Amino acid sequence: MSTRCPLHCDFCYHLGNPPEVITGRIASLKTPHMVRELCRQIAAGNYPAFDDRVGEYFANPHILDNIRVFREYFPDDQIDFTTSGFGLTEDRVAALATLQPVFLQVSLNTADAATRRRIMKDPMPEVAIAAIRHLCDYRVPFSGTIVAWPGLELDDIANTIRYLDAHQAVSIKINLPSYTRFFPISEDFDTFETWSRLTELVRGLRREVATPVTWEPYFFDASPFDAVVVGVVRNSPAARAGLRPGDRLLEIDGETVVFLEQARRLLIRRDLADDRRRLTVDRDGCVVSVDLVEEGGRDHDDYPHKPRGHSAVGRMFGVFLHQGLDLFALGQVRRRLAERPAGRTLLLTSTLLAPQVEALFAMAAPLGPGEVTVSAAPNRYFGGNVMIGDLLVASDIVEAIRLDEAAHGTPDLIVVPGSSFNDGRDLVGAPTSDIVTATSAEVMILSNARILV
């Protein structure tokens, strides 16, 4: 439904993408005729090859007509928009309120007009800033994003968090600043010092604001294992029950919570009544039980948690958690080793997660009788200060395997993160077969993406 983004943000990730990364392409103008044709095909059970190029929805003069076309075919489906807020005028927000359910992720970045004009080259910064107020007034749910680029002062970031909180954002995410080796960065910065100052700021503001505030990458300075409540969404069952940030989840509906991602699954599981959960938490050393109850269906209004016209499915009762490591993926490795034991298994992870994954294996029961070696695969291709598994490419993994084999010999089994690949290819189009042919060891690509990112 979008078109080309008219802004030129200092931190735009397109600036750091090499030409061969397909997500760097610019979206073409989408018209109601094009949207109708796509909807016809989907409604008929045919799933066409969508244009995956990224753009700005509200720069498209046809955007409201495009949404109305979509609504003809899919009246109840929630439409999620990621937008800079450009072109999001009050008239458009008012129209969105009649086209629910919709949800907006607004990359506001700053609530100061002069700063937004400087870092985003927005010729009309007041429109996006005012859009936050209009979304609240018209009860259209949204979350806010701040890319904490070095050009933003900590006071500006704090004031923007307060502004989003005052207008009832569902959540606020701080993107810790990152850049690739392709990025024309104008001011260098110490990554860990900068990230640490930002996460310290967020922790302090969590005591002041009602909106859950988190950061990304989630696993920097936060445990990927502990099921600790980061925040609760306004007017949610969690808020009504008195759940608090810092509560550690012990049980959900009588089932013991062992790790974070398990808690997320238990909160959204479908085999129980979808309208209630009982939680047992550790609150400052005291065990407390709370009941979470969703009230009413789509016609019930609990803005911003579940506005009128929205479904409660997948909203986790307003409990906001960091995203955790999906330890269910270890079952894939355990089953493989039970079928064919290996003398040594090399498990690759990202630079960011290597310490946590090593800690996990120190705590967990052995996967099998052999040795498991955890090794980081640095993001050499993208470079810069990138250190996450989602941006690993095949050549990074091949290089990590060769270094490990030179030091320790060829392992029996190599486990590779699946989050780096889509339909068997990485972001630059290289196939997983490049990894398989680079070693004589058996290579296992984990189908679950989240364990190694």
Protein backbone atom coordinates (compact mmCIF):
# COMPACT_ATOMS: atom_id res chain seq x y z
CA MET A 1 0.00 0.00 0.00
CA SER A 2 3.02 2.28 0.27
CA THR A 3 5.26 4.39 -1.92
CA ARG A 4 8.76 5.80 -1.74
CA CYS A 5 9.73 7.41 1.56
CA PRO A 6 10.40 11.13 1.04
CA LEU A 7 12.62 11.49 4.14
CA HIS A 8 16.38 11.14 4.32
CA CYS A 9 17.12 10.10 7.89
CA ASP A 10 20.71 10.21 9.10
CA PHE A 11 20.26 6.66 10.43
CA CYS A 12 18.26 5.11 7.55
CA TYR A 13 19.30 1.48 7.19
CA HIS A 14 19.15 1.75 3.41
CA LEU A 15 22.36 3.79 3.69
CA GLY A 16 24.12 0.76 5.15
CA ASN A 17 22.81 -1.85 2.72
CA PRO A 18 24.96 -3.15 -0.12
CA PRO A 19 23.21 -3.27 -3.52
CA GLU A 20 22.70 -7.04 -3.38
CA VAL A 21 20.55 -6.88 -0.23
CA ILE A 22 17.03 -7.04 -1.62
CA THR A 23 15.38 -5.20 1.28
CA GLY A 24 17.18 -2.05 0.17
CA ARG A 25 14.95 -1.55 -2.86
CA ILE A 26 12.52 1.36 -2.93
CA ALA A 27 8.78 0.81 -3.08
CA SER A 28 6.79 1.82 -6.12
CA LEU A 29 3.50 3.74 -5.96
CA LYS A 30 0.62 1.41 -5.09
CA THR A 31 -2.83 2.25 -6.49
CA PRO A 32 -6.27 0.93 -5.47
CA HIS A 33 -6.40 -1.09 -8.71
CA MET A 34 -3.16 -2.89 -7.78
CA VAL A 35 -4.36 -3.54 -4.23
CA ARG A 36 -7.71 -4.87 -5.48
CA GLU A 37 -5.99 -7.31 -7.81
CA LEU A 38 -3.79 -8.62 -4.99
CA CYS A 39 -6.82 -8.96 -2.69
CA ARG A 40 -8.74 -10.89 -5.36
CA GLN A 41 -5.90 -13.36 -5.69
CA ILE A 42 -5.52 -13.82 -1.94
CA ALA A 43 -9.27 -14.24 -1.43
CA ALA A 44 -9.22 -16.92 -4.14
CA GLY A 45 -6.49 -18.80 -2.29
CA ASN A 46 -3.66 -17.70 -4.59
CA TYR A 47 -0.73 -16.01 -2.90
CA PRO A 48 1.11 -13.83 -5.42
CA ALA A 49 4.73 -12.76 -5.15
CA PHE A 50 4.39 -9.55 -3.15
CA ASP A 51 6.59 -6.56 -3.78
CA ASP A 52 8.77 -6.70 -0.68
CA ARG A 53 10.29 -3.29 -1.16
CA VAL A 54 10.05 -0.90 1.74
CA GLY A 55 8.45 2.53 1.61
CA GLU A 56 6.25 5.05 3.45
CA TYR A 57 2.52 4.36 3.56
CA PHE A 58 1.27 7.85 4.26
CA ALA A 59 3.32 9.44 1.51
CA ASN A 60 1.01 7.59 -0.89
CA PRO A 61 -1.91 9.84 -1.90
CA HIS A 62 -4.01 6.69 -2.46
CA ILE A 63 -3.40 5.20 0.99
CA LEU A 64 -6.93 5.56 2.41
CA ASP A 65 -8.52 4.20 -0.78
CA ASN A 66 -6.05 1.31 -0.67
CA ILE A 67 -7.09 0.47 2.89
CA ARG A 68 -10.77 0.66 1.97
CA VAL A 69 -10.19 -1.80 -0.86
CA PHE A 70 -8.45 -4.16 1.54
CA ARG A 71 -11.36 -3.81 3.99
CA GLU A 72 -13.84 -4.92 1.32
CA TYR A 73 -12.11 -8.28 1.10
CA PHE A 74 -10.84 -8.67 4.68
CA PRO A 75 -13.18 -6.77 7.03
CA ASP A 76 -11.77 -8.14 10.30
CA ASP A 77 -8.03 -8.48 9.63
CA GLN A 78 -5.76 -6.15 11.55
CA ILE A 79 -3.55 -3.98 9.33
CA ASP A 80 -0.16 -3.13 10.81
CA PHE A 81 1.67 -0.06 9.52
CA THR A 82 5.27 0.91 10.18
CA THR A 83 5.55 4.62 9.46
CA SER A 84 7.71 7.64 10.15
CA GLY A 85 4.53 9.63 10.68
CA PHE A 86 5.10 11.61 7.50
CA GLY A 87 1.76 12.64 5.99
CA LEU A 88 -0.18 11.31 8.98
CA THR A 89 -2.55 14.28 9.24
CA GLU A 90 -5.54 14.55 11.54
CA ASP A 91 -7.93 13.86 8.63
CA ARG A 92 -6.10 10.62 7.86
CA VAL A 93 -6.04 9.55 11.50
CA ALA A 94 -9.79 10.22 11.70
CA ALA A 95 -10.29 8.03 8.62
CA LEU A 96 -8.13 5.25 10.11
CA ALA A 97 -10.39 5.27 13.16
CA THR A 98 -13.29 4.21 10.89
CA LEU A 99 -11.21 1.42 9.30
CA GLN A 100 -10.28 -0.52 12.43
CA PRO A 101 -8.65 -2.78 13.30
CA VAL A 102 -5.38 -1.03 12.45
CA PHE A 103 -2.17 -0.69 14.45
CA LEU A 104 0.67 1.76 13.80
CA GLN A 105 4.34 1.48 14.71
CA VAL A 106 5.41 5.14 14.54
CA SER A 107 9.13 5.85 14.17
CA LEU A 108 8.83 9.30 15.74
CA ASN A 109 12.44 9.43 16.98
CA THR A 110 12.02 12.89 18.51
CA ALA A 111 9.16 15.06 19.70
CA ASP A 112 11.17 18.21 18.94
CA ALA A 113 10.37 19.70 15.52
CA ALA A 114 13.78 21.27 14.93
CA THR A 115 15.59 18.06 15.84
CA ARG A 116 13.33 15.95 13.62
CA ARG A 117 13.92 18.35 10.72
CA ARG A 118 17.69 18.05 11.29
CA ILE A 119 18.09 14.27 11.68
CA MET A 120 15.24 13.08 9.43
CA LYS A 121 15.14 15.91 6.87
CA ASP A 122 11.39 16.11 7.45
CA PRO A 123 10.04 19.29 5.82
CA MET A 124 6.88 19.09 7.97
CA PRO A 125 7.98 17.66 11.34
CA GLU A 126 4.98 19.15 13.16
CA VAL A 127 2.65 16.75 11.27
CA ALA A 128 4.25 13.58 12.63
CA ILE A 129 4.58 15.01 16.14
CA ALA A 130 0.92 16.07 16.19
CA ALA A 131 -0.07 12.67 14.78
CA ILE A 132 0.77 11.07 18.14
CA ARG A 133 -1.81 13.29 19.81
CA HIS A 134 -4.39 12.61 17.09
CA LEU A 135 -3.91 8.83 17.34
CA CYS A 136 -4.67 9.06 21.04
CA ASP A 137 -7.67 11.38 20.51
CA TYR A 138 -9.21 9.11 17.85
CA ARG A 139 -8.29 5.94 19.79
CA VAL A 140 -6.17 4.37 17.09
CA PRO A 141 -3.60 2.13 18.85
CA PHE A 142 0.10 2.71 18.20
CA SER A 143 3.56 2.04 19.52
CA GLY A 144 6.45 4.46 19.33
CA THR A 145 10.02 3.87 18.14
CA ILE A 146 13.11 5.98 18.78
CA VAL A 147 16.30 5.29 16.85
CA ALA A 148 18.77 6.53 19.46
CA TRP A 149 21.31 7.85 16.97
CA PRO A 150 24.26 9.77 18.45
CA GLY A 151 22.79 13.00 17.06
CA LEU A 152 20.02 12.72 19.67
CA GLU A 153 20.73 13.96 23.19
CA LEU A 154 19.67 11.80 26.13
CA ASP A 155 17.38 14.58 27.36
CA ASP A 156 15.64 14.64 23.95
CA ILE A 157 15.15 10.85 24.06
CA ALA A 158 13.74 11.07 27.58
CA ASN A 159 11.35 13.87 26.60
CA THR A 160 10.17 11.89 23.55
CA ILE A 161 9.49 8.86 25.75
CA ARG A 162 7.45 11.08 28.08
CA TYR A 163 5.54 12.54 25.12
CA LEU A 164 4.65 9.08 23.76
CA ASP A 165 3.68 7.95 27.25
CA ALA A 166 1.45 11.00 27.81
CA HIS A 167 -0.50 10.06 24.67
CA GLN A 168 -1.00 6.42 25.67
CA ALA A 169 1.35 4.53 23.38
CA VAL A 170 0.95 0.76 23.76
CA SER A 171 4.72 0.43 24.05
CA ILE A 172 7.93 2.32 23.28
CA LYS A 173 11.01 0.74 21.71
CA ILE A 174 14.48 2.26 21.72
CA ASN A 175 16.64 1.05 18.83
CA LEU A 176 20.25 1.01 20.02
CA PRO A 177 22.34 2.66 17.27
CA SER A 178 23.97 0.33 14.76
CA TYR A 179 25.72 0.71 11.43
CA THR A 180 27.33 -1.55 8.83
CA ARG A 181 30.69 -1.10 7.14
CA PHE A 182 28.82 0.28 4.13
CA PHE A 183 27.28 3.08 6.19
CA PRO A 184 28.62 6.63 5.62
CA ILE A 185 28.74 7.30 9.36
CA SER A 186 29.79 10.86 10.17
CA GLU A 187 30.43 10.44 13.90
CA ASP A 188 31.94 7.35 15.47
CA PHE A 189 30.89 6.21 18.92
CA ASP A 190 31.79 3.60 21.50
CA THR A 191 29.08 1.00 21.02
CA PHE A 192 28.99 -0.53 24.50
CA GLU A 193 29.34 2.79 26.30
CA THR A 194 26.54 4.31 24.21
CA TRP A 195 24.27 1.29 24.54
CA SER A 196 24.88 1.11 28.30
CA ARG A 197 23.94 4.77 28.79
CA LEU A 198 20.74 4.25 26.81
CA THR A 199 19.64 1.14 28.69
CA GLU A 200 20.39 2.90 31.99
CA LEU A 201 18.17 5.79 30.84
CA VAL A 202 15.34 3.37 29.97
CA ARG A 203 15.53 1.60 33.32
CA GLY A 204 15.23 4.92 35.10
CA LEU A 205 12.26 6.07 33.03
CA ARG A 206 10.40 2.80 33.62
CA ARG A 207 9.84 4.02 37.19
CA GLU A 208 8.30 7.25 35.86
CA VAL A 209 6.11 6.33 32.87
CA ALA A 210 3.15 3.96 32.56
CA THR A 211 4.04 2.71 29.07
CA PRO A 212 6.30 -0.35 28.73
CA VAL A 213 9.69 0.77 27.40
CA THR A 214 12.23 -1.65 25.98
CA TRP A 215 15.26 -1.64 23.72
CA GLU A 216 16.53 -3.56 20.72
CA PRO A 217 18.67 -5.64 20.43
CA TYR A 218 16.74 -7.10 23.36
CA PHE A 219 19.59 -9.27 24.55
CA PHE A 220 21.99 -6.43 25.29
CA ASP A 221 22.06 -5.92 29.05
CA ALA A 222 18.93 -8.05 29.57
CA SER A 223 18.55 -11.73 30.37
CA PRO A 224 17.19 -13.87 27.52
CA PHE A 225 16.07 -16.47 30.08
CA ASP A 226 14.34 -14.78 33.03
CA ALA A 227 10.58 -14.28 32.65
CA VAL A 228 10.48 -10.82 34.22
CA VAL A 229 7.66 -8.39 33.43
CA VAL A 230 9.04 -5.31 31.65
CA GLY A 231 5.78 -3.40 31.85
CA VAL A 232 2.01 -3.61 31.53
CA VAL A 233 -0.18 -1.99 28.88
CA ARG A 234 -2.75 0.55 30.03
CA ASN A 235 -6.33 -0.71 30.47
CA SER A 236 -5.21 -4.32 30.04
CA PRO A 237 -6.08 -7.30 32.22
CA ALA A 238 -2.53 -7.14 33.60
CA ALA A 239 -2.99 -3.49 34.57
CA ARG A 240 -6.38 -4.18 36.19
CA ALA A 241 -4.94 -7.11 38.15
CA GLY A 242 -2.11 -4.98 39.53
CA LEU A 243 0.75 -6.79 37.79
CA ARG A 244 3.92 -4.71 38.09
CA PRO A 245 7.18 -4.22 36.19
CA GLY A 246 9.82 -6.39 37.84
CA ASP A 247 7.41 -9.21 38.75
CA ARG A 248 9.05 -12.56 37.97
CA LEU A 249 6.66 -15.12 36.49
CA LEU A 250 6.68 -18.41 38.44
CA GLU A 251 3.55 -20.15 37.14
CA ILE A 252 0.94 -19.60 34.44
CA ASP A 253 -2.29 -21.56 34.93
CA GLY A 254 -0.45 -23.90 37.28
CA GLU A 255 2.40 -24.67 34.87
CA THR A 256 5.88 -23.82 36.15
CA VAL A 257 7.65 -21.13 34.13
CA VAL A 258 11.21 -22.22 33.43
CA PHE A 259 12.31 -19.66 30.84
CA LEU A 260 11.18 -16.48 29.15
CA GLU A 261 10.01 -17.67 25.74
CA GLN A 262 7.99 -20.42 27.42
CA ALA A 263 6.11 -17.71 29.35
CA ARG A 264 5.25 -15.92 26.11
CA ARG A 265 3.85 -19.14 24.65
CA LEU A 266 1.81 -19.90 27.74
CA LEU A 267 0.27 -16.41 27.69
CA ILE A 268 -0.95 -16.80 24.10
CA ARG A 269 -1.69 -20.54 24.06
CA ARG A 270 -4.98 -21.52 22.44
CA ASP A 271 -5.74 -24.78 24.24
CA LEU A 272 -7.07 -22.90 27.27
CA ALA A 273 -9.93 -20.40 27.49
CA ASP A 274 -8.61 -17.37 25.65
CA ASP A 275 -10.17 -14.88 28.05
CA ARG A 276 -8.34 -15.64 31.31
CA ARG A 277 -5.02 -16.66 32.88
CA ARG A 278 -3.87 -17.13 36.47
CA LEU A 279 -0.33 -15.95 37.15
CA THR A 280 1.87 -16.63 40.17
CA VAL A 281 4.75 -14.18 40.49
CA ASP A 282 7.68 -13.42 42.72
CA ARG A 283 7.37 -9.78 43.80
CA ASP A 284 10.35 -8.63 45.86
CA GLY A 285 10.61 -12.06 47.49
CA CYS A 286 6.87 -12.50 48.11
CA VAL A 287 4.73 -14.96 46.12
CA VAL A 288 1.63 -13.26 44.70
CA SER A 289 -1.16 -14.71 42.51
CA VAL A 290 -3.18 -12.58 40.09
CA ASP A 291 -6.02 -13.38 37.69
CA LEU A 292 -5.97 -11.86 34.21
CA VAL A 293 -9.40 -11.62 32.57
CA GLU A 294 -10.20 -10.21 29.13
CA GLU A 295 -13.54 -8.40 29.22
CA GLY A 296 -15.87 -8.55 26.23
CA GLY A 297 -15.26 -9.22 22.55
CA ARG A 298 -14.47 -6.98 19.60
CA ASP A 299 -17.14 -4.44 20.63
CA HIS A 300 -15.52 -3.88 24.02
CA ASP A 301 -13.18 -0.88 24.25
CA ASP A 302 -10.05 -1.18 26.39
CA TYR A 303 -7.93 1.40 24.57
CA PRO A 304 -4.98 1.24 24.07
CA HIS A 305 -4.71 -2.45 24.98
CA LYS A 306 -7.65 -3.62 22.86
CA PRO A 307 -9.67 -0.85 21.22
CA ARG A 308 -13.16 -1.42 19.87
CA GLY A 309 -13.00 -3.51 16.69
CA HIS A 310 -9.81 -5.34 17.74
CA SER A 311 -9.32 -8.90 18.89
CA ALA A 312 -7.52 -9.76 22.13
CA VAL A 313 -5.77 -12.76 20.51
CA GLY A 314 -1.99 -12.48 20.72
CA ARG A 315 -2.01 -9.45 23.03
CA MET A 316 -0.73 -11.46 26.02
CA PHE A 317 -3.27 -9.86 28.38
CA GLY A 318 -1.18 -6.68 28.40
CA VAL A 319 1.88 -8.38 29.89
CA PHE A 320 4.98 -6.94 28.23
CA LEU A 321 8.09 -9.15 28.15
CA HIS A 322 11.43 -8.99 26.45
CA GLN A 323 11.74 -11.46 23.58
CA GLY A 324 13.61 -14.51 24.82
CA LEU A 325 15.69 -17.33 23.46
CA ASP A 326 13.45 -20.07 22.13
CA LEU A 327 14.85 -23.02 24.01
CA PHE A 328 12.36 -25.37 22.37
CA ALA A 329 14.81 -25.33 19.47
CA LEU A 330 17.25 -27.30 21.61
CA GLY A 331 14.85 -30.21 21.24
CA GLN A 332 15.75 -30.42 17.55
CA VAL A 333 19.42 -30.86 18.44
CA ARG A 334 18.66 -33.27 21.27
CA ARG A 335 16.56 -35.52 18.98
CA ARG A 336 19.27 -35.51 16.31
CA LEU A 337 21.94 -36.50 18.84
CA ALA A 338 19.69 -39.22 20.27
CA GLU A 339 19.34 -40.73 16.78
CA ARG A 340 23.04 -40.41 15.87
CA PRO A 341 25.37 -39.48 18.75
CA ALA A 342 28.16 -37.08 17.86
CA GLY A 343 31.61 -36.85 19.39
CA ARG A 344 31.69 -33.05 19.05
CA THR A 345 28.90 -30.65 18.08
CA LEU A 346 29.73 -27.10 17.03
CA LEU A 347 26.83 -24.74 17.80
CA LEU A 348 27.18 -21.34 16.14
CA THR A 349 25.71 -18.20 17.62
CA SER A 350 26.06 -14.44 17.23
CA THR A 351 28.69 -12.29 18.90
CA LEU A 352 26.00 -10.60 20.98
CA LEU A 353 24.52 -13.84 22.31
CA ALA A 354 27.62 -16.01 22.73
CA PRO A 355 27.99 -15.35 26.50
CA GLN A 356 24.30 -16.09 27.14
CA VAL A 357 24.29 -19.27 25.06
CA GLU A 358 27.42 -20.50 26.85
CA ALA A 359 25.71 -19.76 30.19
CA LEU A 360 22.67 -21.70 29.00
CA PHE A 361 24.73 -24.80 28.27
CA ALA A 362 26.44 -24.49 31.63
CA MET A 363 23.01 -24.61 33.33
CA ALA A 364 21.19 -27.11 31.11
CA ALA A 365 21.35 -30.88 31.09
CA PRO A 366 23.72 -32.25 28.44
CA LEU A 367 22.21 -32.64 24.97
CA GLY A 368 23.96 -35.94 24.49
CA PRO A 369 27.03 -37.94 25.44
CA GLY A 370 29.42 -35.88 23.29
CA GLU A 371 30.93 -32.40 23.65
CA VAL A 372 29.06 -29.24 22.57
CA THR A 373 31.22 -26.27 21.55
CA VAL A 374 29.59 -22.83 21.38
CA SER A 375 31.27 -20.42 18.99
CA ALA A 376 30.42 -16.90 17.80
CA ALA A 377 30.21 -16.14 14.08
CA PRO A 378 31.15 -12.46 13.71
CA ASN A 379 29.21 -10.36 11.18
CA ARG A 380 32.19 -9.84 8.88
CA TYR A 381 30.17 -9.19 5.74
CA PHE A 382 28.03 -6.37 7.13
CA GLY A 383 30.75 -5.26 9.54
CA GLY A 384 30.50 -1.99 11.44
CA ASN A 385 29.14 -2.67 14.91
CA VAL A 386 26.65 -5.33 13.75
CA MET A 387 26.65 -8.38 16.04
CA ILE A 388 23.32 -10.18 15.60
CA GLY A 389 22.41 -13.50 14.02
CA ASP A 390 19.68 -12.16 11.76
CA LEU A 391 22.35 -10.36 9.72
CA LEU A 392 24.78 -13.25 9.42
CA VAL A 393 25.36 -14.41 5.85
CA ALA A 394 26.66 -17.74 4.60
CA SER A 395 30.23 -16.47 4.16
CA ASP A 396 30.31 -15.38 7.84
CA ILE A 397 29.28 -18.85 8.94
CA VAL A 398 31.75 -20.56 6.60
CA GLU A 399 34.58 -18.41 7.97
CA ALA A 400 33.59 -19.25 11.58
CA ILE A 401 33.56 -22.97 10.74
CA ARG A 402 37.00 -22.82 9.13
CA LEU A 403 38.49 -21.01 12.12
CA ASP A 404 36.99 -23.55 14.51
CA GLU A 405 38.20 -26.49 12.43
CA ALA A 406 41.70 -25.03 12.27
CA ALA A 407 41.78 -24.80 16.07
CA HIS A 408 39.86 -27.91 17.11
CA GLY A 409 39.53 -30.19 14.10
CA THR A 410 36.38 -31.05 12.14
CA PRO A 411 33.34 -31.60 14.38
CA ASP A 412 30.81 -34.37 13.79
CA LEU A 413 27.85 -31.97 13.66
CA ILE A 414 27.54 -28.23 13.01
CA VAL A 415 24.35 -26.43 14.12
CA VAL A 416 23.64 -23.21 12.21
CA PRO A 417 21.11 -20.46 13.08
CA GLY A 418 18.08 -20.59 10.83
CA SER A 419 17.26 -16.90 11.37
CA SER A 420 19.93 -15.99 8.81
CA PHE A 421 18.08 -17.67 5.94
CA ASN A 422 14.78 -17.28 4.14
CA ASP A 423 13.80 -20.11 1.80
CA GLY A 424 17.33 -21.45 1.98
CA ARG A 425 19.14 -18.20 1.09
CA ASP A 426 20.76 -15.45 3.10
CA LEU A 427 20.25 -11.70 2.68
CA VAL A 428 22.68 -11.50 -0.24
CA GLY A 429 21.18 -14.51 -2.01
CA ALA A 430 23.82 -17.10 -1.08
CA PRO A 431 22.35 -20.60 -0.48
CA THR A 432 22.83 -22.75 2.60
CA SER A 433 24.58 -25.25 0.31
CA ASP A 434 27.62 -22.92 0.48
CA ILE A 435 27.91 -23.92 4.14
CA VAL A 436 27.34 -27.63 3.52
CA THR A 437 30.06 -27.84 0.84
CA ALA A 438 32.58 -25.91 2.99
CA THR A 439 32.97 -28.71 5.55
CA SER A 440 32.97 -32.49 5.74
CA ALA A 441 30.86 -32.34 8.92
CA GLU A 442 27.10 -32.78 8.92
CA VAL A 443 25.34 -29.40 8.91
CA MET A 444 22.01 -28.89 10.68
CA ILE A 445 20.07 -25.68 9.98
CA LEU A 446 17.77 -24.98 12.94
CA SER A 447 14.25 -24.38 11.71
CA ASN A 448 13.46 -22.23 14.74
CA ALA A 449 15.01 -18.81 14.28
CA ARG A 450 15.17 -17.37 17.77
CA ILE A 451 17.66 -19.50 19.67
CA LEU A 452 20.78 -18.09 18.06
CA VAL A 453 20.00 -14.51 17.06
